[in-house]
Amino acid sequence: MEELVSESSVPSDVKAYFEYNFDEYIDAYHLHYSQLKRLKINILIAVILLFLGLALCVFLGYSFLKSIPIYASVILVAVLLSEYFFAPTKNFNHDPRLKKEHTLVFSDEKILFTVNNMTVAIKWKQYQKYIENQDFYLLYYAPETFLIIPKRALTPEGSEQLRAILISKFGAQRC
């Protein structure tokens, strides 16, 4: 005997339509940076270098060689600040695709990604993990490369469906 399945019990594809705006793009990158272990390690290194240089100068007297850890700390902090504040701004301002309409269709098998009237089907196995906050899903396909999915582009039901798909593919989010 054939079993009938109602349409409401079959999960439908989740669709998202959006254009990125500058502020949310920056916020998404800040979410990404806040999750990086490398960032935390680099901050720790900068603090250790700073204290080492200060200790050398205070206890052994100032000299250029003894202050090198201080200069290294300042340079490291400058690089980190540049990466955090300037790189996302430069990326957004120089990539015209980010200002175009994006269409994403999520199914259990793949993601259909459309920008500039070009559609690409991407299988879930291309992705490694996701992170989520109240505004975004970040879907990673490399450690530093990710797709930003603004939650504003989804209905509340679509957001729940997408979360269920992501959990089924990657497990519960770990931050």
N, C-alpha and C. Protein backbone atom coordinates (compact mmCIF):
# COMPACT_ATOMS: atom_id res chain seq x y z
N MET A 1 0.84 -1.17 0.00
CA MET A 1 0.00 0.00 0.00
C MET A 1 0.89 1.24 0.00
N GLU A 2 0.56 2.22 -0.81
CA GLU A 2 1.33 3.44 -0.95
C GLU A 2 0.98 4.42 0.16
N GLU A 3 2.00 4.98 0.79
CA GLU A 3 1.76 5.93 1.87
C GLU A 3 1.75 7.35 1.28
N LEU A 4 0.74 8.10 1.64
CA LEU A 4 0.66 9.48 1.17
C LEU A 4 1.42 10.38 2.14
N VAL A 5 2.16 11.30 1.58
CA VAL A 5 2.91 12.26 2.39
C VAL A 5 2.36 13.64 2.07
N SER A 6 1.94 14.34 3.10
CA SER A 6 1.41 15.68 2.87
C SER A 6 2.55 16.62 2.52
N GLU A 7 2.23 17.64 1.73
CA GLU A 7 3.25 18.59 1.33
C GLU A 7 3.85 19.30 2.53
N SER A 8 3.08 19.52 3.58
CA SER A 8 3.58 20.25 4.74
C SER A 8 4.64 19.45 5.50
N SER A 9 4.67 18.11 5.34
CA SER A 9 5.67 17.32 6.05
C SER A 9 6.98 17.19 5.27
N VAL A 10 6.98 17.60 4.01
CA VAL A 10 8.19 17.55 3.20
C VAL A 10 8.87 18.91 3.29
N PRO A 11 10.11 18.95 3.79
CA PRO A 11 10.76 20.25 3.91
C PRO A 11 10.99 20.88 2.54
N SER A 12 10.65 22.14 2.44
CA SER A 12 10.86 22.84 1.18
C SER A 12 12.23 23.50 1.20
N ASP A 13 12.66 23.93 0.04
CA ASP A 13 13.92 24.65 -0.04
C ASP A 13 13.81 25.96 0.71
N VAL A 14 14.93 26.41 1.26
CA VAL A 14 14.99 27.69 1.96
C VAL A 14 15.59 28.69 0.99
N LYS A 15 14.90 29.81 0.83
CA LYS A 15 15.36 30.83 -0.13
C LYS A 15 15.72 32.11 0.61
N ALA A 16 16.79 32.74 0.14
CA ALA A 16 17.22 34.02 0.69
C ALA A 16 17.55 34.96 -0.47
N TYR A 17 17.05 36.18 -0.41
CA TYR A 17 17.31 37.21 -1.40
C TYR A 17 17.85 38.43 -0.66
N PHE A 18 19.00 38.95 -1.11
CA PHE A 18 19.56 40.09 -0.39
C PHE A 18 20.67 40.76 -1.20
N GLU A 19 20.96 41.98 -0.82
CA GLU A 19 22.18 42.68 -1.20
C GLU A 19 22.88 42.99 0.11
N TYR A 20 24.18 42.83 0.14
CA TYR A 20 24.92 43.19 1.35
C TYR A 20 24.91 44.70 1.50
N ASN A 21 24.87 45.16 2.75
CA ASN A 21 25.14 46.57 2.98
C ASN A 21 26.45 46.66 3.77
N PHE A 22 27.06 47.81 3.73
CA PHE A 22 28.38 48.00 4.29
C PHE A 22 28.44 47.61 5.77
N ASP A 23 27.51 48.11 6.57
CA ASP A 23 27.57 47.88 8.02
C ASP A 23 27.45 46.40 8.36
N GLU A 24 26.53 45.68 7.69
CA GLU A 24 26.39 44.26 8.03
C GLU A 24 27.58 43.46 7.54
N TYR A 25 28.18 43.85 6.43
CA TYR A 25 29.37 43.17 5.94
C TYR A 25 30.50 43.30 6.96
N ILE A 26 30.69 44.51 7.48
CA ILE A 26 31.72 44.75 8.49
C ILE A 26 31.40 43.95 9.76
N ASP A 27 30.14 43.97 10.18
CA ASP A 27 29.74 43.21 11.38
C ASP A 27 29.99 41.72 11.20
N ALA A 28 29.72 41.20 10.01
CA ALA A 28 29.96 39.77 9.76
C ALA A 28 31.44 39.44 9.85
N TYR A 29 32.28 40.32 9.30
CA TYR A 29 33.73 40.08 9.41
C TYR A 29 34.19 40.17 10.85
N HIS A 30 33.63 41.08 11.61
CA HIS A 30 34.00 41.17 13.03
C HIS A 30 33.57 39.91 13.78
N LEU A 31 32.43 39.34 13.42
CA LEU A 31 32.03 38.06 14.01
C LEU A 31 33.06 36.98 13.67
N HIS A 32 33.47 36.94 12.43
CA HIS A 32 34.49 35.98 12.00
C HIS A 32 35.78 36.16 12.81
N TYR A 33 36.27 37.40 12.90
CA TYR A 33 37.52 37.65 13.62
C TYR A 33 37.40 37.30 15.10
N SER A 34 36.24 37.51 15.66
CA SER A 34 36.07 37.22 17.09
C SER A 34 36.17 35.72 17.38
N GLN A 35 36.00 34.89 16.37
CA GLN A 35 36.04 33.45 16.54
C GLN A 35 37.43 32.86 16.25
N LEU A 36 38.34 33.67 15.78
CA LEU A 36 39.65 33.15 15.37
C LEU A 36 40.56 32.88 16.56
N LYS A 37 41.08 31.68 16.65
CA LYS A 37 42.08 31.35 17.67
C LYS A 37 43.37 32.10 17.39
N ARG A 38 43.68 32.26 16.11
CA ARG A 38 44.89 32.98 15.71
C ARG A 38 44.90 34.39 16.26
N LEU A 39 43.75 35.06 16.26
CA LEU A 39 43.66 36.42 16.78
C LEU A 39 43.99 36.45 18.26
N LYS A 40 43.43 35.52 19.00
CA LYS A 40 43.68 35.47 20.45
C LYS A 40 45.15 35.18 20.73
N ILE A 41 45.75 34.29 19.96
CA ILE A 41 47.18 33.98 20.13
C ILE A 41 48.03 35.20 19.80
N ASN A 42 47.70 35.90 18.72
CA ASN A 42 48.46 37.09 18.34
C ASN A 42 48.35 38.20 19.38
N ILE A 43 47.18 38.37 19.96
CA ILE A 43 47.02 39.37 21.03
C ILE A 43 47.87 38.99 22.23
N LEU A 44 47.87 37.71 22.58
CA LEU A 44 48.69 37.24 23.69
C LEU A 44 50.18 37.48 23.40
N ILE A 45 50.62 37.20 22.19
CA ILE A 45 52.01 37.43 21.81
C ILE A 45 52.36 38.91 21.92
N ALA A 46 51.46 39.78 21.45
CA ALA A 46 51.71 41.22 21.52
C ALA A 46 51.84 41.68 22.97
N VAL A 47 50.99 41.18 23.85
CA VAL A 47 51.05 41.56 25.27
C VAL A 47 52.35 41.05 25.90
N ILE A 48 52.74 39.83 25.61
CA ILE A 48 53.98 39.27 26.16
C ILE A 48 55.19 40.08 25.67
N LEU A 49 55.21 40.41 24.37
CA LEU A 49 56.32 41.20 23.84
C LEU A 49 56.39 42.57 24.50
N LEU A 50 55.23 43.19 24.69
CA LEU A 50 55.20 44.50 25.31
C LEU A 50 55.76 44.44 26.73
N PHE A 51 55.29 43.48 27.53
CA PHE A 51 55.77 43.37 28.91
C PHE A 51 57.25 42.97 28.96
N LEU A 52 57.67 42.12 28.06
CA LEU A 52 59.09 41.74 28.01
C LEU A 52 59.95 42.97 27.72
N GLY A 53 59.56 43.74 26.72
CA GLY A 53 60.33 44.94 26.38
C GLY A 53 60.34 45.95 27.51
N LEU A 54 59.19 46.15 28.14
CA LEU A 54 59.12 47.08 29.27
C LEU A 54 60.00 46.59 30.42
N ALA A 55 59.93 45.31 30.72
CA ALA A 55 60.74 44.75 31.81
C ALA A 55 62.24 44.91 31.52
N LEU A 56 62.64 44.62 30.30
CA LEU A 56 64.05 44.77 29.93
C LEU A 56 64.50 46.21 30.09
N CYS A 57 63.68 47.15 29.63
CA CYS A 57 64.06 48.56 29.71
C CYS A 57 64.06 49.08 31.14
N VAL A 58 63.09 48.65 31.95
CA VAL A 58 63.00 49.14 33.33
C VAL A 58 64.11 48.55 34.19
N PHE A 59 64.33 47.26 34.09
CA PHE A 59 65.27 46.60 34.99
C PHE A 59 66.73 46.62 34.51
N LEU A 60 66.93 46.71 33.20
CA LEU A 60 68.30 46.67 32.69
C LEU A 60 68.72 47.98 32.04
N GLY A 61 67.85 48.95 32.04
CA GLY A 61 68.17 50.23 31.42
C GLY A 61 67.81 50.23 29.95
N TYR A 62 67.41 51.39 29.47
CA TYR A 62 66.97 51.50 28.07
C TYR A 62 68.14 51.38 27.11
N SER A 63 67.89 50.62 26.07
CA SER A 63 68.74 50.62 24.87
C SER A 63 67.85 50.17 23.72
N PHE A 64 68.29 50.48 22.53
CA PHE A 64 67.48 50.12 21.36
C PHE A 64 67.22 48.62 21.30
N LEU A 65 68.24 47.82 21.53
CA LEU A 65 68.07 46.36 21.46
C LEU A 65 67.08 45.84 22.50
N LYS A 66 67.10 46.41 23.67
CA LYS A 66 66.18 45.96 24.72
C LYS A 66 64.74 46.40 24.44
N SER A 67 64.58 47.41 23.61
CA SER A 67 63.23 47.90 23.32
C SER A 67 62.63 47.25 22.06
N ILE A 68 63.38 46.41 21.38
CA ILE A 68 62.87 45.75 20.16
C ILE A 68 61.56 45.00 20.42
N PRO A 69 61.40 44.27 21.55
CA PRO A 69 60.11 43.62 21.78
C PRO A 69 58.92 44.61 21.84
N ILE A 70 59.18 45.82 22.33
CA ILE A 70 58.11 46.83 22.37
C ILE A 70 57.72 47.22 20.94
N TYR A 71 58.72 47.46 20.10
CA TYR A 71 58.44 47.83 18.71
C TYR A 71 57.73 46.69 17.97
N ALA A 72 58.16 45.46 18.24
CA ALA A 72 57.50 44.30 17.61
C ALA A 72 56.05 44.21 18.06
N SER A 73 55.80 44.48 19.33
CA SER A 73 54.43 44.46 19.85
C SER A 73 53.57 45.52 19.16
N VAL A 74 54.11 46.71 19.01
CA VAL A 74 53.37 47.81 18.36
C VAL A 74 53.07 47.45 16.90
N ILE A 75 54.04 46.88 16.22
CA ILE A 75 53.83 46.48 14.82
C ILE A 75 52.76 45.40 14.73
N LEU A 76 52.82 44.41 15.60
CA LEU A 76 51.82 43.34 15.60
C LEU A 76 50.43 43.89 15.87
N VAL A 77 50.31 44.79 16.82
CA VAL A 77 49.00 45.40 17.11
C VAL A 77 48.51 46.20 15.90
N ALA A 78 49.40 46.91 15.23
CA ALA A 78 49.02 47.68 14.03
C ALA A 78 48.50 46.75 12.93
N VAL A 79 49.17 45.63 12.74
CA VAL A 79 48.72 44.66 11.72
C VAL A 79 47.35 44.10 12.09
N LEU A 80 47.16 43.75 13.36
CA LEU A 80 45.87 43.21 13.81
C LEU A 80 44.75 44.23 13.63
N LEU A 81 45.01 45.48 13.99
CA LEU A 81 44.00 46.53 13.83
C LEU A 81 43.69 46.76 12.35
N SER A 82 44.70 46.71 11.52
CA SER A 82 44.49 46.86 10.08
C SER A 82 43.62 45.74 9.54
N GLU A 83 43.93 44.52 9.96
CA GLU A 83 43.15 43.36 9.52
C GLU A 83 41.70 43.46 9.99
N TYR A 84 41.50 43.96 11.18
CA TYR A 84 40.16 44.03 11.77
C TYR A 84 39.33 45.18 11.19
N PHE A 85 39.96 46.35 11.02
CA PHE A 85 39.20 47.53 10.61
C PHE A 85 39.29 47.85 9.12
N PHE A 86 40.48 47.75 8.55
CA PHE A 86 40.66 48.23 7.18
C PHE A 86 40.44 47.18 6.11
N ALA A 87 40.81 45.95 6.35
CA ALA A 87 40.68 44.91 5.33
C ALA A 87 39.22 44.67 4.92
N PRO A 88 38.28 44.54 5.86
CA PRO A 88 36.88 44.34 5.42
C PRO A 88 36.33 45.53 4.63
N THR A 89 36.71 46.74 5.03
CA THR A 89 36.27 47.93 4.30
C THR A 89 36.81 47.92 2.88
N LYS A 90 38.09 47.60 2.74
CA LYS A 90 38.70 47.53 1.41
C LYS A 90 38.02 46.45 0.57
N ASN A 91 37.79 45.28 1.16
CA ASN A 91 37.12 44.19 0.43
C ASN A 91 35.75 44.64 -0.08
N PHE A 92 34.96 45.25 0.80
CA PHE A 92 33.61 45.66 0.42
C PHE A 92 33.65 46.71 -0.69
N ASN A 93 34.54 47.68 -0.55
CA ASN A 93 34.58 48.78 -1.52
C ASN A 93 35.15 48.37 -2.87
N HIS A 94 35.94 47.30 -2.92
CA HIS A 94 36.59 46.92 -4.18
C HIS A 94 35.98 45.70 -4.87
N ASP A 95 34.98 45.09 -4.27
CA ASP A 95 34.36 43.92 -4.91
C ASP A 95 32.93 44.27 -5.32
N PRO A 96 32.71 44.58 -6.60
CA PRO A 96 31.38 45.00 -7.04
C PRO A 96 30.31 43.92 -6.87
N ARG A 97 30.70 42.65 -6.83
CA ARG A 97 29.72 41.58 -6.64
C ARG A 97 29.00 41.69 -5.31
N LEU A 98 29.66 42.28 -4.32
CA LEU A 98 29.05 42.39 -3.00
C LEU A 98 27.86 43.36 -3.00
N LYS A 99 27.81 44.23 -4.00
CA LYS A 99 26.73 45.21 -4.07
C LYS A 99 25.60 44.77 -4.99
N LYS A 100 25.70 43.56 -5.50
CA LYS A 100 24.66 43.01 -6.38
C LYS A 100 23.68 42.17 -5.57
N GLU A 101 22.51 41.93 -6.17
CA GLU A 101 21.53 41.07 -5.51
C GLU A 101 22.01 39.63 -5.51
N HIS A 102 21.89 38.99 -4.37
CA HIS A 102 22.25 37.58 -4.20
C HIS A 102 20.98 36.78 -3.98
N THR A 103 20.95 35.62 -4.59
CA THR A 103 19.87 34.67 -4.34
C THR A 103 20.51 33.35 -3.92
N LEU A 104 20.09 32.86 -2.77
CA LEU A 104 20.58 31.58 -2.28
C LEU A 104 19.38 30.67 -2.08
N VAL A 105 19.49 29.45 -2.54
CA VAL A 105 18.46 28.44 -2.33
C VAL A 105 19.14 27.24 -1.68
N PHE A 106 18.73 26.96 -0.45
CA PHE A 106 19.32 25.88 0.33
C PHE A 106 18.40 24.67 0.28
N SER A 107 18.96 23.54 -0.10
CA SER A 107 18.21 22.29 -0.04
C SER A 107 19.06 21.30 0.76
N ASP A 108 18.56 20.13 0.94
CA ASP A 108 19.30 19.12 1.69
C ASP A 108 20.54 18.65 0.92
N GLU A 109 20.53 18.78 -0.39
CA GLU A 109 21.64 18.28 -1.21
C GLU A 109 22.68 19.35 -1.55
N LYS A 110 22.25 20.61 -1.71
CA LYS A 110 23.17 21.63 -2.23
C LYS A 110 22.65 23.03 -1.92
N ILE A 111 23.50 23.99 -2.31
CA ILE A 111 23.13 25.40 -2.26
C ILE A 111 23.20 25.92 -3.70
N LEU A 112 22.14 26.57 -4.14
CA LEU A 112 22.17 27.27 -5.42
C LEU A 112 22.48 28.73 -5.12
N PHE A 113 23.54 29.22 -5.70
CA PHE A 113 24.06 30.56 -5.42
C PHE A 113 23.98 31.36 -6.71
N THR A 114 23.21 32.45 -6.72
CA THR A 114 23.04 33.26 -7.93
C THR A 114 23.45 34.70 -7.66
N VAL A 115 24.37 35.20 -8.50
CA VAL A 115 24.79 36.60 -8.51
C VAL A 115 25.05 36.97 -9.96
N ASN A 116 24.62 38.16 -10.36
CA ASN A 116 24.83 38.62 -11.75
C ASN A 116 24.29 37.64 -12.78
N ASN A 117 23.12 37.09 -12.52
CA ASN A 117 22.47 36.15 -13.43
C ASN A 117 23.30 34.90 -13.71
N MET A 118 24.24 34.59 -12.82
CA MET A 118 25.02 33.37 -12.95
C MET A 118 24.73 32.51 -11.71
N THR A 119 24.32 31.28 -11.95
CA THR A 119 23.97 30.38 -10.86
C THR A 119 24.98 29.25 -10.78
N VAL A 120 25.40 28.98 -9.55
CA VAL A 120 26.34 27.90 -9.28
C VAL A 120 25.71 27.00 -8.23
N ALA A 121 25.78 25.70 -8.46
CA ALA A 121 25.31 24.72 -7.47
C ALA A 121 26.53 24.25 -6.67
N ILE A 122 26.44 24.38 -5.36
CA ILE A 122 27.55 23.99 -4.49
C ILE A 122 27.07 22.91 -3.55
N LYS A 123 27.74 21.78 -3.57
CA LYS A 123 27.37 20.67 -2.67
C LYS A 123 27.83 20.99 -1.25
N TRP A 124 27.08 20.48 -0.30
CA TRP A 124 27.38 20.75 1.10
C TRP A 124 28.76 20.28 1.52
N LYS A 125 29.28 19.24 0.87
CA LYS A 125 30.59 18.72 1.27
C LYS A 125 31.72 19.72 1.00
N GLN A 126 31.44 20.78 0.24
CA GLN A 126 32.43 21.83 0.00
C GLN A 126 32.63 22.71 1.23
N TYR A 127 31.67 22.66 2.14
CA TYR A 127 31.71 23.51 3.33
C TYR A 127 32.23 22.73 4.53
N GLN A 128 32.84 23.45 5.47
CA GLN A 128 33.48 22.81 6.62
C GLN A 128 32.71 23.01 7.92
N LYS A 129 32.14 24.19 8.12
CA LYS A 129 31.47 24.50 9.38
C LYS A 129 30.63 25.75 9.19
N TYR A 130 29.91 26.10 10.23
CA TYR A 130 29.18 27.36 10.23
C TYR A 130 29.25 27.96 11.63
N ILE A 131 29.07 29.26 11.68
CA ILE A 131 28.85 29.93 12.96
C ILE A 131 27.63 30.83 12.78
N GLU A 132 27.02 31.17 13.89
CA GLU A 132 25.77 31.91 13.83
C GLU A 132 25.73 32.89 15.00
N ASN A 133 25.16 34.06 14.73
CA ASN A 133 24.78 34.96 15.81
C ASN A 133 23.38 35.47 15.52
N GLN A 134 22.95 36.53 16.17
CA GLN A 134 21.58 36.99 15.99
C GLN A 134 21.34 37.59 14.60
N ASP A 135 22.40 37.95 13.87
CA ASP A 135 22.23 38.62 12.58
C ASP A 135 22.64 37.80 11.36
N PHE A 136 23.52 36.82 11.55
CA PHE A 136 24.11 36.13 10.40
C PHE A 136 24.31 34.65 10.65
N TYR A 137 24.43 33.95 9.51
CA TYR A 137 25.08 32.65 9.46
C TYR A 137 26.34 32.88 8.64
N LEU A 138 27.46 32.39 9.11
CA LEU A 138 28.69 32.39 8.32
C LEU A 138 28.97 30.94 7.98
N LEU A 139 29.01 30.64 6.70
CA LEU A 139 29.18 29.28 6.22
C LEU A 139 30.58 29.18 5.60
N TYR A 140 31.47 28.42 6.25
CA TYR A 140 32.89 28.37 5.88
C TYR A 140 33.17 27.28 4.86
N TYR A 141 33.91 27.64 3.80
CA TYR A 141 34.42 26.64 2.88
C TYR A 141 35.94 26.60 2.89
N ALA A 142 36.56 27.41 3.71
CA ALA A 142 37.99 27.37 4.03
C ALA A 142 38.14 28.08 5.38
N PRO A 143 39.26 27.91 6.06
CA PRO A 143 39.37 28.49 7.39
C PRO A 143 39.13 30.00 7.45
N GLU A 144 39.48 30.73 6.41
CA GLU A 144 39.31 32.19 6.41
C GLU A 144 38.37 32.66 5.31
N THR A 145 37.66 31.74 4.68
CA THR A 145 36.79 32.10 3.56
C THR A 145 35.39 31.58 3.85
N PHE A 146 34.42 32.48 3.75
CA PHE A 146 33.08 32.11 4.17
C PHE A 146 32.03 32.89 3.40
N LEU A 147 30.84 32.35 3.42
CA LEU A 147 29.66 32.96 2.83
C LEU A 147 28.87 33.61 3.95
N ILE A 148 28.52 34.86 3.80
CA ILE A 148 27.72 35.58 4.79
C ILE A 148 26.26 35.47 4.38
N ILE A 149 25.45 34.96 5.28
CA ILE A 149 24.01 34.85 5.02
C ILE A 149 23.29 35.71 6.06
N PRO A 150 22.82 36.90 5.64
CA PRO A 150 22.10 37.75 6.60
C PRO A 150 20.76 37.12 6.97
N LYS A 151 20.46 37.09 8.25
CA LYS A 151 19.18 36.51 8.68
C LYS A 151 18.00 37.35 8.22
N ARG A 152 18.22 38.64 7.97
CA ARG A 152 17.13 39.50 7.49
C ARG A 152 16.60 39.03 6.13
N ALA A 153 17.41 38.24 5.41
CA ALA A 153 17.01 37.75 4.09
C ALA A 153 16.14 36.50 4.18
N LEU A 154 15.94 36.00 5.39
CA LEU A 154 15.17 34.78 5.60
C LEU A 154 13.91 35.09 6.40
N THR A 155 12.87 34.33 6.15
CA THR A 155 11.71 34.40 7.03
C THR A 155 12.08 33.70 8.34
N PRO A 156 11.34 33.94 9.43
CA PRO A 156 11.65 33.21 10.67
C PRO A 156 11.61 31.69 10.47
N GLU A 157 10.65 31.22 9.68
CA GLU A 157 10.57 29.78 9.40
C GLU A 157 11.77 29.33 8.56
N GLY A 158 12.16 30.16 7.59
CA GLY A 158 13.31 29.84 6.76
C GLY A 158 14.60 29.78 7.56
N SER A 159 14.72 30.67 8.53
CA SER A 159 15.91 30.66 9.38
C SER A 159 15.96 29.38 10.21
N GLU A 160 14.83 28.97 10.74
CA GLU A 160 14.78 27.70 11.50
C GLU A 160 15.09 26.51 10.61
N GLN A 161 14.55 26.52 9.40
CA GLN A 161 14.82 25.41 8.46
C GLN A 161 16.31 25.37 8.11
N LEU A 162 16.89 26.55 7.86
CA LEU A 162 18.31 26.60 7.52
C LEU A 162 19.15 26.11 8.69
N ARG A 163 18.82 26.52 9.90
CA ARG A 163 19.55 26.05 11.09
C ARG A 163 19.47 24.53 11.18
N ALA A 164 18.29 23.97 10.91
CA ALA A 164 18.13 22.51 10.97
C ALA A 164 19.01 21.84 9.91
N ILE A 165 19.07 22.42 8.73
CA ILE A 165 19.93 21.86 7.67
C ILE A 165 21.39 21.92 8.11
N LEU A 166 21.80 23.08 8.63
CA LEU A 166 23.19 23.25 9.06
C LEU A 166 23.56 22.28 10.17
N ILE A 167 22.68 22.09 11.12
CA ILE A 167 22.93 21.14 12.21
C ILE A 167 23.03 19.72 11.66
N SER A 168 22.18 19.39 10.69
CA SER A 168 22.24 18.04 10.12
C SER A 168 23.54 17.81 9.35
N LYS A 169 24.09 18.88 8.77
CA LYS A 169 25.32 18.75 7.97
C LYS A 169 26.60 18.85 8.82
N PHE A 170 26.57 19.72 9.85
CA PHE A 170 27.80 20.02 10.60
C PHE A 170 27.71 19.74 12.09
N GLY A 171 26.56 19.37 12.58
CA GLY A 171 26.38 19.20 14.01
C GLY A 171 26.07 20.54 14.66
N ALA A 172 25.89 20.51 15.94
CA ALA A 172 25.58 21.75 16.66
C ALA A 172 26.77 22.70 16.58
N GLN A 173 26.47 23.96 16.54
CA GLN A 173 27.50 24.99 16.45
C GLN A 173 28.40 24.97 17.66
N ARG A 174 29.71 25.07 17.41
CA ARG A 174 30.70 25.13 18.49
C ARG A 174 31.53 26.40 18.30
N CYS A 175 31.46 27.27 19.28
CA CYS A 175 32.25 28.52 19.18
C CYS A 175 33.26 28.58 20.28
